Amino acid sequence: MSALSCDLHTHSNCSDGSDYPGVLVKKAAEAGLQAIALTDHDTVSGLAEAGAEALTLGIECVPGIEFGVLSSRGNMHILGYFIEPSAPLFSATLQRVQAARAERTPKLIKRLSELGISITIDDLESITRGGQVGRPHFARLLVEKGFAKDFGQAFSKYLARGAKAYVPKSILSPGEAIQAIHSAHGLAVLAHPFSLRCTSRRELETVVQELCQQGLDGMECWYSEHSPSFTGQCLDITRKFNIVATGGSDYHGAAKPYIKLGSGKGNLVVPYECVEALRARHEEKYGA
């Protein structure tokens, strides 16, 4: 691992990862990363533990979050960095999103039951260990119960958009997510743009331009599923629209064992300059 690298997209067991926040930060330090961002789905409950462990170990920990948002193109997620979670609008938005997530769980259980698959709240609580329930937890149980051979099949057959048991969760528009992040003095970044399934660079540029008009601050260019050529396209687009280029592995621990912290599928290196660029944009936007 490069001495000047970082990982700005990670998940703990507070959402759908497997590691406790402090353990995640410890692993980042052991991997030689200069900085890490904890970006759990729809929750900030792990930030205090991650920040405390980072101070102990001398590694930088950027407080973050990841929101799923409504989109007509593939799956769109917005990352928030350097957030102040106590901000009123941010807190209210988070409560709305968490309520929608909680409402999805029994609906998913019902859909699976109609397909002859029994998954209970107790099953889910046994693996979430107090964290939020997400589709990866359902996927793990589908594999354990023999209804899918692996996570990929669990999603494609049951949990992905359009699959047999799919239940939508996202309730925020991209603009609402960006506004909430900005209200918390954070920076809003488009996550893993490959997931938008754009068919051309021009189409991706159109999406990014629309988001920039709503206040987008950056885009995730380095990512575990991005090819070198797509990363290059993303970097070009960030320069065109004068937004920050960021990157991360989308590490989930045992939930996605093929994704390694800091290195993704083995060839990912996110330069530490991403953190410096985010900090500079943050100071420009909000002051030192």
Protein backbone atom coordinates (compact mmCIF):
# COMPACT_ATOMS: atom_id res chain seq x y z
CA MET A 1 0.00 0.00 0.00
CA SER A 2 1.30 3.43 -0.92
CA ALA A 3 2.40 5.62 1.99
CA LEU A 4 0.21 8.36 0.55
CA SER A 5 -3.08 6.61 -0.05
CA CYS A 6 -6.53 6.63 1.48
CA ASP A 7 -9.91 4.92 1.33
CA LEU A 8 -12.88 7.30 1.35
CA HIS A 9 -15.71 4.77 0.97
CA THR A 10 -16.09 2.17 3.73
CA HIS A 11 -18.87 0.57 5.76
CA SER A 12 -19.00 -0.76 9.31
CA ASN A 13 -21.48 -3.01 11.09
CA CYS A 14 -23.49 0.11 11.93
CA SER A 15 -24.91 -0.33 8.42
CA ASP A 16 -24.14 -3.32 6.21
CA GLY A 17 -20.45 -3.96 6.85
CA SER A 18 -19.09 -6.60 9.22
CA ASP A 19 -16.41 -4.73 11.21
CA TYR A 20 -17.01 -2.56 14.23
CA PRO A 21 -16.03 1.07 13.42
CA GLY A 22 -12.94 0.97 15.64
CA VAL A 23 -11.80 -2.32 14.11
CA LEU A 24 -12.26 -0.87 10.64
CA VAL A 25 -10.03 2.09 11.49
CA LYS A 26 -7.43 -0.21 13.02
CA LYS A 27 -7.36 -2.29 9.83
CA ALA A 28 -6.91 0.89 7.81
CA ALA A 29 -3.90 1.87 9.91
CA GLU A 30 -2.44 -1.63 9.59
CA ALA A 31 -2.89 -1.40 5.81
CA GLY A 32 -0.74 1.74 5.76
CA LEU A 33 -3.51 4.13 4.77
CA GLN A 34 -3.06 7.79 5.60
CA ALA A 35 -6.78 8.44 5.88
CA ILE A 36 -10.12 6.68 5.89
CA ALA A 37 -13.72 7.87 5.67
CA LEU A 38 -16.53 5.97 7.35
CA THR A 39 -19.53 6.31 5.03
CA ASP A 40 -22.21 4.04 6.44
CA HIS A 41 -25.60 3.89 4.73
CA ASP A 42 -28.10 6.29 6.29
CA THR A 43 -26.45 6.40 9.71
CA VAL A 44 -23.74 8.28 11.59
CA SER A 45 -23.82 6.06 14.67
CA GLY A 46 -20.31 4.71 14.09
CA LEU A 47 -18.54 8.04 13.64
CA ALA A 48 -17.70 8.68 17.30
CA GLU A 49 -16.07 5.26 17.77
CA ALA A 50 -14.18 5.53 14.47
CA GLY A 51 -12.94 9.03 15.29
CA ALA A 52 -11.76 8.04 18.75
CA GLU A 53 -9.81 5.06 17.41
CA ALA A 54 -8.30 7.21 14.68
CA LEU A 55 -6.99 9.68 17.25
CA THR A 56 -5.40 6.82 19.19
CA LEU A 57 -3.72 5.36 16.11
CA GLY A 58 -2.72 8.61 14.42
CA ILE A 59 -4.71 8.04 11.24
CA GLU A 60 -7.06 10.61 9.77
CA CYS A 61 -10.76 9.70 9.82
CA VAL A 62 -13.17 11.77 7.74
CA PRO A 63 -16.74 11.72 9.09
CA GLY A 64 -19.08 10.67 6.30
CA ILE A 65 -22.34 9.09 5.21
CA GLU A 66 -23.87 7.51 2.10
CA PHE A 67 -27.43 8.27 0.96
CA GLY A 68 -29.28 6.29 -1.66
CA VAL A 69 -31.34 8.66 -3.83
CA LEU A 70 -34.05 8.44 -6.46
CA SER A 71 -32.77 8.20 -10.01
CA SER A 72 -34.08 7.24 -13.41
CA ARG A 73 -30.63 5.90 -14.30
CA GLY A 74 -29.37 2.82 -12.48
CA ASN A 75 -28.53 3.22 -8.80
CA MET A 76 -27.44 6.64 -7.55
CA HIS A 77 -25.79 7.24 -4.19
CA ILE A 78 -24.51 10.49 -2.74
CA LEU A 79 -21.63 10.51 -0.26
CA GLY A 80 -21.25 13.23 2.35
CA TYR A 81 -17.82 14.19 3.76
CA PHE A 82 -16.74 16.32 6.74
CA ILE A 83 -20.32 16.37 7.98
CA GLU A 84 -21.48 17.80 11.30
CA PRO A 85 -24.23 15.28 12.17
CA SER A 86 -26.01 17.44 14.75
CA ALA A 87 -27.16 19.99 12.15
CA PRO A 88 -31.00 20.23 12.36
CA LEU A 89 -31.89 19.73 8.68
CA PHE A 90 -29.39 16.89 8.35
CA SER A 91 -30.77 15.18 11.47
CA ALA A 92 -34.35 15.54 10.24
CA THR A 93 -33.45 14.13 6.83
CA LEU A 94 -31.65 11.23 8.44
CA GLN A 95 -34.71 10.43 10.55
CA ARG A 96 -36.89 10.36 7.41
CA VAL A 97 -34.50 8.03 5.62
CA GLN A 98 -34.12 5.71 8.60
CA ALA A 99 -37.90 5.47 8.93
CA ALA A 100 -38.18 4.47 5.27
CA ARG A 101 -35.46 1.86 5.76
CA ALA A 102 -37.25 0.43 8.81
CA GLU A 103 -40.51 0.22 6.87
CA ARG A 104 -38.82 -1.73 4.06
CA THR A 105 -37.67 -4.60 6.28
CA PRO A 106 -41.09 -6.17 7.03
CA LYS A 107 -42.11 -5.66 3.40
CA LEU A 108 -39.04 -7.59 2.26
CA ILE A 109 -39.73 -10.33 4.78
CA LYS A 110 -43.31 -10.58 3.44
CA ARG A 111 -42.17 -10.71 -0.19
CA LEU A 112 -39.72 -13.50 0.58
CA SER A 113 -42.35 -15.37 2.59
CA GLU A 114 -44.65 -15.29 -0.43
CA LEU A 115 -41.82 -16.99 -2.33
CA GLY A 116 -41.58 -19.72 0.30
CA ILE A 117 -38.53 -18.26 2.05
CA SER A 118 -38.67 -17.74 5.81
CA ILE A 119 -36.48 -14.93 7.13
CA THR A 120 -37.40 -13.43 10.50
CA ILE A 121 -36.53 -10.29 12.42
CA ASP A 122 -34.65 -12.52 14.87
CA ASP A 123 -32.59 -13.92 11.97
CA LEU A 124 -31.67 -10.41 10.91
CA GLU A 125 -30.89 -9.15 14.40
CA SER A 126 -28.57 -12.10 14.95
CA ILE A 127 -26.26 -10.81 12.21
CA THR A 128 -26.71 -7.04 12.37
CA ARG A 129 -25.48 -6.83 15.97
CA GLY A 130 -27.43 -3.66 16.61
CA GLY A 131 -26.72 -2.06 13.23
CA GLN A 132 -29.25 -1.09 10.59
CA VAL A 133 -30.81 -3.84 8.49
CA GLY A 134 -29.89 -3.70 4.82
CA ARG A 135 -30.24 -5.89 1.75
CA PRO A 136 -26.78 -7.44 2.25
CA HIS A 137 -28.06 -8.92 5.51
CA PHE A 138 -30.94 -10.51 3.62
CA ALA A 139 -28.46 -11.72 1.00
CA ARG A 140 -26.30 -13.37 3.63
CA LEU A 141 -29.31 -15.21 5.05
CA LEU A 142 -30.45 -16.30 1.58
CA VAL A 143 -27.03 -17.84 1.04
CA GLU A 144 -26.93 -19.45 4.50
CA LYS A 145 -30.41 -20.93 4.00
CA GLY A 146 -29.49 -22.34 0.59
CA PHE A 147 -31.71 -20.14 -1.58
CA ALA A 148 -28.73 -18.55 -3.35
CA LYS A 149 -25.21 -19.77 -4.03
CA ASP A 150 -23.59 -16.40 -3.28
CA PHE A 151 -24.29 -12.72 -2.68
CA GLY A 152 -24.42 -11.98 -6.40
CA GLN A 153 -27.14 -14.52 -7.03
CA ALA A 154 -29.06 -13.43 -3.93
CA PHE A 155 -29.25 -9.93 -5.33
CA SER A 156 -29.87 -10.82 -8.97
CA LYS A 157 -32.59 -13.35 -8.13
CA TYR A 158 -34.30 -11.70 -5.15
CA LEU A 159 -33.02 -8.30 -3.99
CA ALA A 160 -31.88 -6.14 -6.90
CA ARG A 161 -34.18 -3.66 -8.62
CA GLY A 162 -36.69 -5.66 -10.67
CA ALA A 163 -35.94 -8.94 -8.86
CA LYS A 164 -38.59 -11.14 -7.25
CA ALA A 165 -38.52 -9.65 -3.76
CA TYR A 166 -37.27 -6.12 -4.47
CA VAL A 167 -38.70 -3.36 -2.29
CA PRO A 168 -37.56 0.23 -2.95
CA LYS A 169 -36.13 2.28 -0.08
CA SER A 170 -34.85 5.54 -1.50
CA ILE A 171 -37.10 8.52 -0.79
CA LEU A 172 -34.70 11.43 -1.26
CA SER A 173 -34.16 13.31 -4.47
CA PRO A 174 -30.49 14.00 -5.27
CA GLY A 175 -31.11 17.67 -4.47
CA GLU A 176 -32.53 16.83 -1.04
CA ALA A 177 -29.51 14.67 -0.20
CA ILE A 178 -27.10 17.37 -1.34
CA GLN A 179 -28.98 20.04 0.61
CA ALA A 180 -28.94 17.92 3.78
CA ILE A 181 -25.20 17.32 3.47
CA HIS A 182 -24.55 21.02 2.88
CA SER A 183 -26.68 21.92 5.90
CA ALA A 184 -24.23 19.82 7.94
CA HIS A 185 -21.29 21.79 6.47
CA GLY A 186 -20.37 18.74 4.39
CA LEU A 187 -19.36 18.10 0.81
CA ALA A 188 -21.63 16.08 -1.49
CA VAL A 189 -19.96 13.56 -3.82
CA LEU A 190 -21.47 11.27 -6.45
CA ALA A 191 -20.60 7.68 -5.52
CA HIS A 192 -19.53 4.93 -7.96
CA PRO A 193 -20.85 6.53 -11.18
CA PHE A 194 -20.54 3.21 -13.04
CA SER A 195 -23.71 2.12 -11.21
CA LEU A 196 -25.72 4.72 -13.13
CA ARG A 197 -25.38 2.47 -16.19
CA CYS A 198 -24.85 5.41 -18.51
CA THR A 199 -24.36 4.24 -22.09
CA SER A 200 -21.94 7.00 -23.09
CA ARG A 201 -19.62 9.60 -21.66
CA ARG A 202 -21.98 12.29 -22.86
CA GLU A 203 -24.81 10.77 -20.84
CA LEU A 204 -22.66 10.66 -17.71
CA GLU A 205 -21.62 14.27 -18.28
CA THR A 206 -25.28 15.24 -18.49
CA VAL A 207 -26.01 13.56 -15.15
CA VAL A 208 -23.02 15.22 -13.47
CA GLN A 209 -23.92 18.61 -14.92
CA GLU A 210 -27.48 18.30 -13.54
CA LEU A 211 -26.09 17.37 -10.12
CA CYS A 212 -23.59 20.24 -10.21
CA GLN A 213 -26.50 22.61 -10.77
CA GLN A 214 -27.89 21.27 -7.48
CA GLY A 215 -24.60 21.80 -5.66
CA LEU A 216 -22.55 18.62 -6.22
CA ASP A 217 -18.99 19.04 -4.93
CA GLY A 218 -17.23 15.95 -6.28
CA MET A 219 -17.34 12.54 -7.92
CA GLU A 220 -15.86 9.17 -6.96
CA CYS A 221 -13.39 8.39 -9.73
CA TRP A 222 -11.21 5.67 -8.21
CA TYR A 223 -13.44 2.73 -7.28
CA SER A 224 -13.18 -1.05 -7.02
CA GLU A 225 -15.47 -1.67 -10.01
CA HIS A 226 -14.06 1.07 -12.26
CA SER A 227 -11.76 0.18 -15.13
CA PRO A 228 -8.70 2.38 -15.73
CA SER A 229 -10.36 3.87 -18.81
CA PHE A 230 -13.57 4.69 -16.93
CA THR A 231 -11.55 6.21 -14.09
CA GLY A 232 -9.85 8.39 -16.70
CA GLN A 233 -13.21 9.49 -18.08
CA CYS A 234 -14.41 10.37 -14.60
CA LEU A 235 -11.29 12.39 -13.89
CA ASP A 236 -11.78 14.31 -17.13
CA ILE A 237 -15.36 15.09 -16.13
CA THR A 238 -14.33 16.36 -12.69
CA ARG A 239 -11.90 18.73 -14.36
CA LYS A 240 -14.53 19.89 -16.85
CA PHE A 241 -17.00 20.80 -14.10
CA ASN A 242 -14.39 21.88 -11.52
CA ILE A 243 -15.44 19.37 -8.88
CA VAL A 244 -13.27 17.24 -6.60
CA ALA A 245 -12.12 13.76 -7.64
CA THR A 246 -12.38 11.22 -4.82
CA GLY A 247 -12.10 7.47 -4.46
CA GLY A 248 -12.74 4.48 -2.26
CA SER A 249 -13.05 0.73 -2.19
CA ASP A 250 -16.64 0.41 -0.85
CA TYR A 251 -15.26 -1.99 1.74
CA HIS A 252 -17.85 -4.05 3.65
CA GLY A 253 -15.61 -6.64 5.30
CA ALA A 254 -17.01 -10.18 5.31
CA ALA A 255 -20.15 -8.97 3.54
CA LYS A 256 -18.07 -8.41 0.39
CA PRO A 257 -14.94 -10.52 0.93
CA TYR A 258 -13.69 -9.87 -2.60
CA ILE A 259 -13.27 -6.14 -1.80
CA LYS A 260 -10.19 -5.36 0.30
CA LEU A 261 -9.79 -2.25 2.40
CA GLY A 262 -7.72 0.31 0.53
CA SER A 263 -7.03 -1.91 -2.48
CA GLY A 264 -10.45 -3.06 -3.69
CA LYS A 265 -9.98 -6.06 -5.93
CA GLY A 266 -6.21 -5.75 -5.59
CA ASN A 267 -5.31 -2.96 -7.97
CA LEU A 268 -6.99 0.08 -6.42
CA VAL A 269 -4.87 2.93 -5.09
CA VAL A 270 -6.66 6.12 -4.06
CA PRO A 271 -4.16 8.97 -3.75
CA TYR A 272 -4.12 10.92 -0.50
CA GLU A 273 -4.42 14.06 -2.62
CA CYS A 274 -8.16 13.32 -2.65
CA VAL A 275 -8.35 14.18 1.05
CA GLU A 276 -6.31 17.33 0.52
CA ALA A 277 -8.55 18.39 -2.37
CA LEU A 278 -11.69 17.76 -0.31
CA ARG A 279 -10.29 19.74 2.60
CA ALA A 280 -9.36 22.64 0.33
CA ARG A 281 -12.85 22.68 -1.19
CA HIS A 282 -14.37 22.50 2.29
CA GLU A 283 -12.33 25.48 3.49
CA GLU A 284 -13.24 27.39 0.33
CA LYS A 285 -16.94 26.66 0.87
CA TYR A 286 -17.24 27.05 4.62
CA GLY A 287 -14.07 28.74 5.82
CA ALA A 288 -11.22 27.29 7.88
